[in-house]
Amino acid sequence: MATNKMKAQTPAEGILKRSEWGDAKSYQVTCECGDHNHDHNVWVEADETLNVTVTIYTTAKSKWWSKNRWQKIWTLLSKGYIEYEASIIMSKQQALNYASTLKSAVHDVEQFRQDKSVGKPL
């Protein structure tokens, strides 16, 4: 029985590196459906305390004109936010690449900050 174990790719299918600043990297993760509104824009950043922040931006849409808009308005006024759900469709390979890219980016920005805090030349 042959095993067909998948490995993360370089370059990675469905993952586009947008920018890199040493202690921060940004990526665009595309949705398989092809709609750019479903893409995830991912930022991985290390701060001075060597904590790492991963922020994911996506476009959330709602049926604002639906019957429950007054409930949404009340929730926004009383809580200050409205909860939405966003999904992204990925192939198995792309999901593996996404996880590997996050792991690699976290390591890279942590290493950059550590080197900078120790005073090593960059």
N, C-alpha and C. Protein backbone atom coordinates (compact mmCIF):
# COMPACT_ATOMS: atom_id res chain seq x y z
N MET A 1 0.84 -1.18 0.00
CA MET A 1 0.00 0.00 0.00
C MET A 1 0.89 1.25 0.00
N ALA A 2 0.77 2.04 -1.01
CA ALA A 2 1.58 3.25 -1.13
C ALA A 2 0.98 4.38 -0.30
N THR A 3 1.83 5.06 0.45
CA THR A 3 1.35 6.20 1.21
C THR A 3 1.70 7.47 0.45
N ASN A 4 0.76 8.35 0.36
CA ASN A 4 0.95 9.59 -0.37
C ASN A 4 0.87 10.75 0.61
N LYS A 5 1.88 10.85 1.46
CA LYS A 5 1.88 11.86 2.51
C LYS A 5 2.18 13.23 1.91
N MET A 6 1.30 14.18 2.18
CA MET A 6 1.47 15.52 1.64
C MET A 6 2.44 16.32 2.49
N LYS A 7 3.17 17.21 1.84
CA LYS A 7 4.10 18.09 2.52
C LYS A 7 3.80 19.52 2.09
N ALA A 8 4.17 20.46 2.95
CA ALA A 8 3.98 21.87 2.61
C ALA A 8 4.84 22.22 1.41
N GLN A 9 4.33 23.09 0.56
CA GLN A 9 5.02 23.48 -0.66
C GLN A 9 5.73 24.81 -0.50
N THR A 10 6.79 24.99 -1.28
CA THR A 10 7.44 26.28 -1.42
C THR A 10 7.73 26.47 -2.90
N PRO A 11 7.16 27.42 -3.60
CA PRO A 11 6.14 28.37 -3.12
C PRO A 11 4.84 27.64 -2.82
N ALA A 12 4.06 28.22 -1.95
CA ALA A 12 2.87 27.55 -1.42
C ALA A 12 1.63 27.88 -2.25
N GLU A 13 0.92 26.86 -2.64
CA GLU A 13 -0.34 27.02 -3.35
C GLU A 13 -1.34 27.80 -2.50
N GLY A 14 -1.91 28.88 -3.04
CA GLY A 14 -2.94 29.63 -2.35
C GLY A 14 -2.45 30.62 -1.32
N ILE A 15 -1.13 30.75 -1.13
CA ILE A 15 -0.57 31.66 -0.13
C ILE A 15 0.35 32.65 -0.87
N LEU A 16 0.05 33.93 -0.73
CA LEU A 16 0.86 34.96 -1.37
C LEU A 16 1.48 35.84 -0.30
N LYS A 17 2.81 35.88 -0.26
CA LYS A 17 3.48 36.77 0.69
C LYS A 17 3.39 38.18 0.13
N ARG A 18 2.81 39.09 0.92
CA ARG A 18 2.61 40.47 0.48
C ARG A 18 3.77 41.37 0.88
N SER A 19 4.18 41.30 2.14
CA SER A 19 5.23 42.19 2.64
C SER A 19 6.00 41.52 3.77
N GLU A 20 7.21 42.04 4.01
CA GLU A 20 8.03 41.56 5.12
C GLU A 20 8.85 42.73 5.64
N TRP A 21 8.84 42.91 6.97
CA TRP A 21 9.58 43.99 7.61
C TRP A 21 10.48 43.49 8.72
N GLY A 22 10.88 42.26 8.70
CA GLY A 22 11.73 41.71 9.75
C GLY A 22 10.90 41.20 10.91
N ASP A 23 10.30 42.13 11.68
CA ASP A 23 9.48 41.71 12.82
C ASP A 23 8.01 41.56 12.46
N ALA A 24 7.68 41.67 11.17
CA ALA A 24 6.29 41.50 10.73
C ALA A 24 6.27 40.98 9.29
N LYS A 25 5.27 40.14 9.02
CA LYS A 25 5.05 39.61 7.67
C LYS A 25 3.56 39.65 7.39
N SER A 26 3.22 39.84 6.12
CA SER A 26 1.80 39.78 5.75
C SER A 26 1.62 38.86 4.55
N TYR A 27 0.51 38.15 4.57
CA TYR A 27 0.19 37.17 3.53
C TYR A 27 -1.26 37.35 3.09
N GLN A 28 -1.54 36.94 1.86
CA GLN A 28 -2.91 36.85 1.38
C GLN A 28 -3.18 35.38 1.12
N VAL A 29 -4.21 34.86 1.78
CA VAL A 29 -4.60 33.47 1.62
C VAL A 29 -5.88 33.47 0.79
N THR A 30 -5.82 32.90 -0.39
CA THR A 30 -6.96 32.98 -1.31
C THR A 30 -7.98 31.89 -1.06
N CYS A 31 -9.22 32.22 -1.35
CA CYS A 31 -10.33 31.27 -1.25
C CYS A 31 -10.42 30.50 -2.56
N GLU A 32 -10.67 29.22 -2.49
CA GLU A 32 -10.78 28.39 -3.69
C GLU A 32 -11.93 28.80 -4.59
N CYS A 33 -12.93 29.50 -4.04
CA CYS A 33 -14.07 29.90 -4.87
C CYS A 33 -13.71 31.03 -5.83
N GLY A 34 -12.58 31.71 -5.59
CA GLY A 34 -12.13 32.76 -6.47
C GLY A 34 -12.61 34.16 -6.11
N ASP A 35 -13.48 34.29 -5.12
CA ASP A 35 -13.99 35.60 -4.71
C ASP A 35 -12.99 36.25 -3.75
N HIS A 36 -12.43 37.40 -4.13
CA HIS A 36 -11.43 38.07 -3.30
C HIS A 36 -12.00 38.55 -1.97
N ASN A 37 -13.32 38.70 -1.87
CA ASN A 37 -13.94 39.09 -0.61
C ASN A 37 -13.82 38.00 0.45
N HIS A 38 -13.53 36.77 0.03
CA HIS A 38 -13.40 35.65 0.97
C HIS A 38 -11.97 35.42 1.41
N ASP A 39 -11.02 36.09 0.77
CA ASP A 39 -9.60 35.91 1.11
C ASP A 39 -9.32 36.32 2.55
N HIS A 40 -8.30 35.73 3.12
CA HIS A 40 -7.81 36.14 4.43
C HIS A 40 -6.52 36.92 4.22
N ASN A 41 -6.44 38.08 4.81
CA ASN A 41 -5.21 38.85 4.85
C ASN A 41 -4.63 38.65 6.23
N VAL A 42 -3.49 37.98 6.30
CA VAL A 42 -2.91 37.54 7.57
C VAL A 42 -1.65 38.35 7.86
N TRP A 43 -1.59 38.90 9.08
CA TRP A 43 -0.42 39.64 9.55
C TRP A 43 0.15 38.90 10.75
N VAL A 44 1.45 38.64 10.71
CA VAL A 44 2.15 38.00 11.83
C VAL A 44 3.20 39.00 12.29
N GLU A 45 3.12 39.39 13.58
CA GLU A 45 4.01 40.43 14.10
C GLU A 45 4.57 40.02 15.47
N ALA A 46 5.84 40.33 15.70
CA ALA A 46 6.46 40.13 17.01
C ALA A 46 6.69 41.50 17.63
N ASP A 47 6.38 41.62 18.92
CA ASP A 47 6.60 42.91 19.59
C ASP A 47 7.87 42.85 20.43
N GLU A 48 8.14 43.93 21.15
CA GLU A 48 9.37 44.04 21.94
C GLU A 48 9.45 43.02 23.06
N THR A 49 8.30 42.53 23.54
CA THR A 49 8.30 41.56 24.63
C THR A 49 8.37 40.12 24.12
N LEU A 50 8.61 39.98 22.82
CA LEU A 50 8.71 38.69 22.15
C LEU A 50 7.39 37.93 22.09
N ASN A 51 6.28 38.64 22.27
CA ASN A 51 4.98 38.04 22.00
C ASN A 51 4.72 38.12 20.51
N VAL A 52 3.96 37.19 19.98
CA VAL A 52 3.62 37.19 18.55
C VAL A 52 2.12 37.36 18.41
N THR A 53 1.73 38.28 17.53
CA THR A 53 0.32 38.53 17.25
C THR A 53 0.02 38.09 15.83
N VAL A 54 -1.02 37.29 15.66
CA VAL A 54 -1.50 36.90 14.34
C VAL A 54 -2.88 37.53 14.17
N THR A 55 -3.00 38.41 13.17
CA THR A 55 -4.26 39.09 12.91
C THR A 55 -4.75 38.67 11.53
N ILE A 56 -6.02 38.29 11.45
CA ILE A 56 -6.61 37.88 10.18
C ILE A 56 -7.72 38.84 9.82
N TYR A 57 -7.58 39.48 8.66
CA TYR A 57 -8.59 40.39 8.15
C TYR A 57 -9.36 39.70 7.02
N THR A 58 -10.65 39.84 7.04
CA THR A 58 -11.48 39.32 5.96
C THR A 58 -12.70 40.21 5.83
N THR A 59 -13.40 40.10 4.74
CA THR A 59 -14.61 40.89 4.53
C THR A 59 -15.81 40.08 4.99
N ALA A 60 -16.53 40.61 5.96
CA ALA A 60 -17.75 39.95 6.44
C ALA A 60 -18.96 40.69 5.88
N LYS A 61 -19.91 39.94 5.41
CA LYS A 61 -21.12 40.54 4.85
C LYS A 61 -22.31 40.06 5.66
N SER A 62 -23.33 40.90 5.69
CA SER A 62 -24.55 40.51 6.39
C SER A 62 -25.75 40.92 5.55
N LYS A 63 -26.88 40.39 5.92
CA LYS A 63 -28.13 40.81 5.29
C LYS A 63 -28.69 41.93 6.16
N TRP A 64 -28.06 43.07 6.10
CA TRP A 64 -28.40 44.21 6.95
C TRP A 64 -29.86 44.61 6.80
N TRP A 65 -30.41 44.44 5.62
CA TRP A 65 -31.78 44.85 5.34
C TRP A 65 -32.81 43.83 5.84
N SER A 66 -32.37 42.73 6.41
CA SER A 66 -33.31 41.70 6.86
C SER A 66 -34.10 42.16 8.08
N LYS A 67 -35.07 41.35 8.49
CA LYS A 67 -35.99 41.72 9.58
C LYS A 67 -35.29 41.98 10.91
N ASN A 68 -34.15 41.37 11.13
CA ASN A 68 -33.52 41.50 12.44
C ASN A 68 -32.51 42.66 12.51
N ARG A 69 -32.61 43.63 11.60
CA ARG A 69 -31.64 44.73 11.63
C ARG A 69 -31.72 45.53 12.91
N TRP A 70 -32.90 45.64 13.51
CA TRP A 70 -33.03 46.38 14.77
C TRP A 70 -32.30 45.65 15.90
N GLN A 71 -32.34 44.31 15.85
CA GLN A 71 -31.56 43.53 16.82
C GLN A 71 -30.07 43.81 16.64
N LYS A 72 -29.63 43.88 15.40
CA LYS A 72 -28.22 44.16 15.13
C LYS A 72 -27.85 45.55 15.61
N ILE A 73 -28.72 46.51 15.37
CA ILE A 73 -28.45 47.88 15.82
C ILE A 73 -28.36 47.91 17.34
N TRP A 74 -29.29 47.24 18.02
CA TRP A 74 -29.29 47.21 19.49
C TRP A 74 -28.02 46.53 20.01
N THR A 75 -27.63 45.41 19.40
CA THR A 75 -26.42 44.72 19.82
C THR A 75 -25.20 45.60 19.63
N LEU A 76 -25.13 46.29 18.51
CA LEU A 76 -24.01 47.18 18.25
C LEU A 76 -23.96 48.31 19.28
N LEU A 77 -25.13 48.88 19.61
CA LEU A 77 -25.18 49.96 20.58
C LEU A 77 -24.87 49.48 22.00
N SER A 78 -25.35 48.30 22.36
CA SER A 78 -25.18 47.83 23.73
C SER A 78 -23.85 47.10 23.97
N LYS A 79 -23.33 46.39 22.98
CA LYS A 79 -22.08 45.65 23.14
C LYS A 79 -20.89 46.35 22.48
N GLY A 80 -21.17 47.13 21.46
CA GLY A 80 -20.09 47.80 20.74
C GLY A 80 -19.56 47.00 19.57
N TYR A 81 -20.09 45.83 19.32
CA TYR A 81 -19.66 45.01 18.20
C TYR A 81 -20.79 44.07 17.79
N ILE A 82 -20.65 43.52 16.59
CA ILE A 82 -21.58 42.50 16.09
C ILE A 82 -20.75 41.31 15.68
N GLU A 83 -21.20 40.13 16.01
CA GLU A 83 -20.46 38.92 15.66
C GLU A 83 -20.85 38.45 14.26
N TYR A 84 -19.84 38.13 13.47
CA TYR A 84 -20.03 37.60 12.14
C TYR A 84 -19.16 36.37 11.99
N GLU A 85 -19.46 35.59 11.01
CA GLU A 85 -18.65 34.42 10.72
C GLU A 85 -18.14 34.55 9.29
N ALA A 86 -16.89 34.22 9.08
CA ALA A 86 -16.31 34.24 7.74
C ALA A 86 -15.66 32.88 7.49
N SER A 87 -15.86 32.35 6.31
CA SER A 87 -15.30 31.05 5.95
C SER A 87 -14.38 31.21 4.76
N ILE A 88 -13.45 30.30 4.64
CA ILE A 88 -12.58 30.25 3.47
C ILE A 88 -12.51 28.80 3.03
N ILE A 89 -12.60 28.58 1.73
CA ILE A 89 -12.55 27.24 1.16
C ILE A 89 -11.11 27.00 0.71
N MET A 90 -10.53 25.88 1.17
CA MET A 90 -9.16 25.55 0.81
C MET A 90 -9.06 24.10 0.38
N SER A 91 -8.14 23.84 -0.52
CA SER A 91 -7.81 22.45 -0.83
C SER A 91 -7.01 21.91 0.36
N LYS A 92 -6.86 20.60 0.39
CA LYS A 92 -6.08 19.98 1.46
C LYS A 92 -4.64 20.51 1.43
N GLN A 93 -4.09 20.65 0.23
CA GLN A 93 -2.72 21.16 0.09
C GLN A 93 -2.62 22.59 0.59
N GLN A 94 -3.60 23.42 0.24
CA GLN A 94 -3.56 24.82 0.66
C GLN A 94 -3.66 24.94 2.18
N ALA A 95 -4.51 24.13 2.80
CA ALA A 95 -4.65 24.16 4.26
C ALA A 95 -3.33 23.78 4.93
N LEU A 96 -2.65 22.80 4.40
CA LEU A 96 -1.35 22.40 4.91
C LEU A 96 -0.33 23.52 4.73
N ASN A 97 -0.36 24.17 3.57
CA ASN A 97 0.53 25.30 3.31
C ASN A 97 0.26 26.47 4.26
N TYR A 98 -1.02 26.73 4.53
CA TYR A 98 -1.43 27.81 5.44
C TYR A 98 -0.82 27.58 6.82
N ALA A 99 -0.99 26.37 7.33
CA ALA A 99 -0.47 26.04 8.65
C ALA A 99 1.06 26.14 8.68
N SER A 100 1.70 25.65 7.65
CA SER A 100 3.16 25.70 7.58
C SER A 100 3.66 27.13 7.47
N THR A 101 2.95 27.96 6.69
CA THR A 101 3.34 29.36 6.53
C THR A 101 3.23 30.11 7.86
N LEU A 102 2.15 29.88 8.60
CA LEU A 102 2.00 30.51 9.91
C LEU A 102 3.12 30.08 10.85
N LYS A 103 3.40 28.80 10.88
CA LYS A 103 4.47 28.29 11.75
C LYS A 103 5.81 28.92 11.39
N SER A 104 6.12 28.98 10.12
CA SER A 104 7.38 29.56 9.66
C SER A 104 7.45 31.07 9.95
N ALA A 105 6.35 31.79 9.71
CA ALA A 105 6.32 33.24 9.94
C ALA A 105 6.50 33.56 11.42
N VAL A 106 5.83 32.80 12.28
CA VAL A 106 5.97 33.01 13.73
C VAL A 106 7.44 32.81 14.14
N HIS A 107 8.05 31.76 13.65
CA HIS A 107 9.46 31.50 13.97
C HIS A 107 10.35 32.64 13.48
N ASP A 108 10.13 33.08 12.24
CA ASP A 108 10.97 34.13 11.65
C ASP A 108 10.88 35.46 12.40
N VAL A 109 9.66 35.90 12.73
CA VAL A 109 9.53 37.20 13.41
C VAL A 109 10.03 37.12 14.85
N GLU A 110 9.85 35.96 15.51
CA GLU A 110 10.41 35.79 16.85
C GLU A 110 11.94 35.85 16.80
N GLN A 111 12.52 35.17 15.84
CA GLN A 111 13.97 35.14 15.71
C GLN A 111 14.51 36.54 15.42
N PHE A 112 13.83 37.29 14.57
CA PHE A 112 14.25 38.65 14.26
C PHE A 112 14.26 39.50 15.53
N ARG A 113 13.19 39.44 16.30
CA ARG A 113 13.10 40.23 17.54
C ARG A 113 14.15 39.80 18.55
N GLN A 114 14.38 38.49 18.69
CA GLN A 114 15.39 38.01 19.63
C GLN A 114 16.77 38.50 19.24
N ASP A 115 17.09 38.40 17.96
CA ASP A 115 18.39 38.87 17.48
C ASP A 115 18.53 40.37 17.71
N LYS A 116 17.47 41.11 17.48
CA LYS A 116 17.50 42.56 17.66
C LYS A 116 17.65 42.93 19.14
N SER A 117 16.98 42.16 20.03
CA SER A 117 17.06 42.48 21.46
C SER A 117 18.42 42.13 22.05
N VAL A 118 19.12 41.17 21.49
CA VAL A 118 20.44 40.77 21.97
C VAL A 118 21.51 41.68 21.40
N GLY A 119 21.16 42.43 20.38
CA GLY A 119 22.11 43.37 19.79
C GLY A 119 22.94 42.79 18.68
N LYS A 120 22.51 41.64 18.13
CA LYS A 120 23.23 41.06 17.01
C LYS A 120 23.01 41.91 15.77
N PRO A 121 23.99 42.02 14.91
CA PRO A 121 23.78 42.74 13.66
C PRO A 121 22.76 42.00 12.80
N LEU A 122 21.86 42.76 12.18
CA LEU A 122 20.81 42.13 11.38
C LEU A 122 21.16 42.10 9.92
